[in-house]
């Protein structure tokens, strides 16, 4: 979801509390990216609010399976 919301990969990894793989960057990059992570979580909150408020078509699994079965028979 973070990629879909255009959060840079290195910020997404930090949001998920993943450790930086590159030792040199981990040691020498003193920036904590807290502002970038806060912005990323704000994007997630906005996206989830949109979904909750009806901004997405939600199909139950039961209905989805029925549609797939009908399409295969056609």
N, C-alpha and C. Protein backbone atom coordinates (compact mmCIF):
# COMPACT_ATOMS: atom_id res chain seq x y z
N UNK A 1 0.83 -1.19 0.00
CA UNK A 1 0.00 0.00 0.00
C UNK A 1 0.87 1.26 0.00
N UNK A 2 2.00 1.22 0.71
CA UNK A 2 2.84 2.41 0.77
C UNK A 2 3.38 2.78 -0.61
N UNK A 3 3.73 1.80 -1.41
CA UNK A 3 4.21 2.10 -2.77
C UNK A 3 3.10 2.72 -3.60
N UNK A 4 1.90 2.19 -3.45
CA UNK A 4 0.74 2.72 -4.18
C UNK A 4 0.50 4.18 -3.82
N UNK A 5 0.82 4.54 -2.58
CA UNK A 5 0.63 5.92 -2.12
C UNK A 5 1.86 6.79 -2.39
N UNK A 6 2.78 6.27 -3.18
CA UNK A 6 3.99 6.97 -3.61
C UNK A 6 4.92 7.35 -2.47
N UNK A 7 5.02 6.47 -1.50
CA UNK A 7 5.99 6.64 -0.42
C UNK A 7 7.30 6.02 -0.92
N UNK A 8 8.41 6.75 -0.85
CA UNK A 8 9.68 6.21 -1.31
C UNK A 8 10.02 4.90 -0.57
N UNK A 9 10.62 3.95 -1.28
CA UNK A 9 10.90 2.64 -0.68
C UNK A 9 11.69 2.69 0.63
N UNK A 10 12.70 3.57 0.71
CA UNK A 10 13.49 3.60 1.94
C UNK A 10 12.66 4.12 3.12
N UNK A 11 11.72 5.01 2.86
CA UNK A 11 10.85 5.51 3.93
C UNK A 11 9.84 4.44 4.32
N UNK A 12 9.31 3.72 3.34
CA UNK A 12 8.38 2.63 3.63
C UNK A 12 9.04 1.58 4.52
N UNK A 13 10.28 1.24 4.21
CA UNK A 13 11.00 0.25 5.03
C UNK A 13 11.15 0.74 6.46
N UNK A 14 11.43 2.02 6.63
CA UNK A 14 11.56 2.57 7.98
C UNK A 14 10.22 2.58 8.69
N UNK A 15 9.14 2.86 7.97
CA UNK A 15 7.80 2.83 8.57
C UNK A 15 7.47 1.44 9.10
N UNK A 16 7.98 0.43 8.41
CA UNK A 16 7.73 -0.95 8.83
C UNK A 16 8.77 -1.43 9.84
N UNK A 17 9.62 -0.50 10.28
CA UNK A 17 10.65 -0.75 11.27
C UNK A 17 11.69 -1.76 10.79
N UNK A 18 11.94 -1.77 9.47
CA UNK A 18 12.98 -2.63 8.91
C UNK A 18 14.32 -1.93 9.01
N UNK A 19 15.33 -2.67 9.30
CA UNK A 19 16.68 -2.14 9.43
C UNK A 19 17.27 -1.88 8.05
N UNK A 20 17.95 -0.76 7.91
CA UNK A 20 18.63 -0.43 6.65
C UNK A 20 19.66 -1.52 6.35
N UNK A 21 19.61 -2.06 5.13
CA UNK A 21 20.51 -3.16 4.75
C UNK A 21 21.94 -2.69 4.53
N UNK A 22 22.09 -1.51 3.96
CA UNK A 22 23.44 -1.01 3.67
C UNK A 22 24.08 -0.46 4.94
N UNK A 23 25.14 -1.13 5.35
CA UNK A 23 25.81 -0.76 6.60
C UNK A 23 26.31 0.68 6.56
N UNK A 24 26.91 1.09 5.45
CA UNK A 24 27.45 2.44 5.37
C UNK A 24 26.36 3.48 5.55
N UNK A 25 25.23 3.29 4.89
CA UNK A 25 24.12 4.23 5.02
C UNK A 25 23.58 4.22 6.44
N UNK A 26 23.44 3.03 7.00
CA UNK A 26 22.91 2.90 8.36
C UNK A 26 23.81 3.63 9.36
N UNK A 27 25.13 3.54 9.16
CA UNK A 27 26.07 4.15 10.09
C UNK A 27 26.20 5.65 9.88
N UNK A 28 26.31 6.09 8.62
CA UNK A 28 26.65 7.47 8.35
C UNK A 28 25.47 8.40 8.05
N UNK A 29 24.31 7.85 7.77
CA UNK A 29 23.15 8.71 7.51
C UNK A 29 22.49 9.01 8.85
N UNK A 30 22.74 10.21 9.36
CA UNK A 30 22.25 10.57 10.69
C UNK A 30 20.81 11.07 10.71
N UNK A 31 20.19 11.18 9.54
CA UNK A 31 18.82 11.68 9.47
C UNK A 31 17.86 10.62 9.97
N UNK A 32 16.91 11.00 10.82
CA UNK A 32 16.00 9.99 11.39
C UNK A 32 14.73 9.78 10.55
N UNK A 33 14.49 10.60 9.55
CA UNK A 33 13.36 10.45 8.63
C UNK A 33 12.00 10.49 9.34
N UNK A 34 11.94 11.04 10.53
CA UNK A 34 10.67 11.07 11.26
C UNK A 34 9.61 11.90 10.53
N UNK A 35 10.02 13.01 9.92
CA UNK A 35 9.07 13.82 9.16
C UNK A 35 8.52 13.08 7.96
N UNK A 36 9.40 12.38 7.25
CA UNK A 36 8.99 11.61 6.08
C UNK A 36 8.07 10.46 6.47
N UNK A 37 8.39 9.82 7.60
CA UNK A 37 7.54 8.72 8.05
C UNK A 37 6.18 9.23 8.50
N UNK A 38 6.15 10.38 9.16
CA UNK A 38 4.87 10.96 9.58
C UNK A 38 4.01 11.28 8.36
N UNK A 39 4.63 11.82 7.32
CA UNK A 39 3.89 12.11 6.09
C UNK A 39 3.36 10.82 5.45
N UNK A 40 4.18 9.78 5.47
CA UNK A 40 3.75 8.50 4.91
C UNK A 40 2.53 7.96 5.65
N UNK A 41 2.56 8.02 6.99
CA UNK A 41 1.43 7.52 7.76
C UNK A 41 0.20 8.40 7.58
N UNK A 42 0.39 9.70 7.32
CA UNK A 42 -0.74 10.57 7.02
C UNK A 42 -1.39 10.16 5.69
N UNK A 43 -0.56 9.79 4.72
CA UNK A 43 -1.10 9.31 3.45
C UNK A 43 -1.91 8.03 3.65
N UNK A 44 -1.38 7.13 4.48
CA UNK A 44 -2.11 5.89 4.78
C UNK A 44 -3.44 6.21 5.45
N UNK A 45 -3.41 7.11 6.42
CA UNK A 45 -4.64 7.49 7.13
C UNK A 45 -5.67 8.07 6.16
N UNK A 46 -5.23 8.93 5.26
CA UNK A 46 -6.13 9.51 4.28
C UNK A 46 -6.71 8.45 3.35
N UNK A 47 -5.88 7.52 2.93
CA UNK A 47 -6.33 6.45 2.05
C UNK A 47 -7.37 5.57 2.76
N UNK A 48 -7.08 5.21 4.00
CA UNK A 48 -8.02 4.37 4.75
C UNK A 48 -9.33 5.11 5.02
N UNK A 49 -9.26 6.40 5.27
CA UNK A 49 -10.49 7.19 5.46
C UNK A 49 -11.33 7.20 4.20
N UNK A 50 -10.67 7.34 3.07
CA UNK A 50 -11.39 7.32 1.79
C UNK A 50 -12.09 5.98 1.60
N UNK A 51 -11.38 4.89 1.89
CA UNK A 51 -11.98 3.56 1.76
C UNK A 51 -13.17 3.41 2.71
N UNK A 52 -12.98 3.84 3.95
CA UNK A 52 -14.04 3.72 4.95
C UNK A 52 -15.28 4.53 4.57
N UNK A 53 -15.07 5.68 3.97
CA UNK A 53 -16.17 6.57 3.65
C UNK A 53 -16.84 6.25 2.31
N UNK A 54 -16.52 5.11 1.76
CA UNK A 54 -17.18 4.70 0.53
C UNK A 54 -16.46 5.06 -0.74
N UNK A 55 -15.19 5.39 -0.65
CA UNK A 55 -14.43 5.77 -1.83
C UNK A 55 -13.91 4.60 -2.63
N UNK A 56 -14.32 3.40 -2.27
CA UNK A 56 -13.87 2.21 -3.01
C UNK A 56 -15.02 1.22 -3.08
N UNK A 57 -15.03 0.48 -4.16
CA UNK A 57 -16.04 -0.57 -4.29
C UNK A 57 -15.52 -1.80 -3.56
N UNK A 58 -16.28 -2.24 -2.58
CA UNK A 58 -15.90 -3.41 -1.80
C UNK A 58 -16.82 -4.55 -2.18
N UNK A 59 -16.24 -5.66 -2.58
CA UNK A 59 -17.01 -6.83 -2.99
C UNK A 59 -16.73 -7.94 -2.00
N UNK A 60 -17.77 -8.54 -1.47
CA UNK A 60 -17.56 -9.63 -0.53
C UNK A 60 -16.92 -10.81 -1.25
N UNK A 61 -16.19 -11.62 -0.54
CA UNK A 61 -15.55 -12.78 -1.14
C UNK A 61 -16.58 -13.70 -1.77
N UNK A 62 -17.70 -13.86 -1.10
CA UNK A 62 -18.76 -14.73 -1.62
C UNK A 62 -19.24 -14.23 -2.98
N UNK A 63 -19.52 -12.95 -3.08
CA UNK A 63 -19.97 -12.36 -4.36
C UNK A 63 -18.88 -12.47 -5.42
N UNK A 64 -17.65 -12.23 -5.03
CA UNK A 64 -16.54 -12.30 -5.97
C UNK A 64 -16.36 -13.69 -6.54
N UNK A 65 -16.47 -14.70 -5.68
CA UNK A 65 -16.34 -16.08 -6.14
C UNK A 65 -17.48 -16.45 -7.09
N UNK A 66 -18.67 -15.99 -6.78
CA UNK A 66 -19.82 -16.27 -7.64
C UNK A 66 -19.62 -15.64 -9.02
N UNK A 67 -19.09 -14.42 -9.06
CA UNK A 67 -18.86 -13.76 -10.35
C UNK A 67 -17.81 -14.51 -11.16
N UNK A 68 -16.76 -14.97 -10.50
CA UNK A 68 -15.72 -15.71 -11.20
C UNK A 68 -16.27 -17.01 -11.76
N UNK A 69 -17.09 -17.71 -10.96
CA UNK A 69 -17.69 -18.98 -11.41
C UNK A 69 -18.58 -18.73 -12.62
N UNK A 70 -19.39 -17.67 -12.59
CA UNK A 70 -20.28 -17.35 -13.72
C UNK A 70 -19.46 -17.03 -14.97
N UNK A 71 -18.38 -16.30 -14.80
CA UNK A 71 -17.55 -15.93 -15.94
C UNK A 71 -16.89 -17.15 -16.57
N UNK A 72 -16.51 -18.12 -15.74
CA UNK A 72 -15.88 -19.33 -16.28
C UNK A 72 -16.89 -20.17 -17.06
N UNK A 73 -18.14 -20.15 -16.65
CA UNK A 73 -19.17 -20.93 -17.35
C UNK A 73 -19.57 -20.29 -18.67
N UNK A 74 -19.41 -18.99 -18.75
CA UNK A 74 -19.86 -18.26 -19.96
C UNK A 74 -18.94 -18.45 -21.13
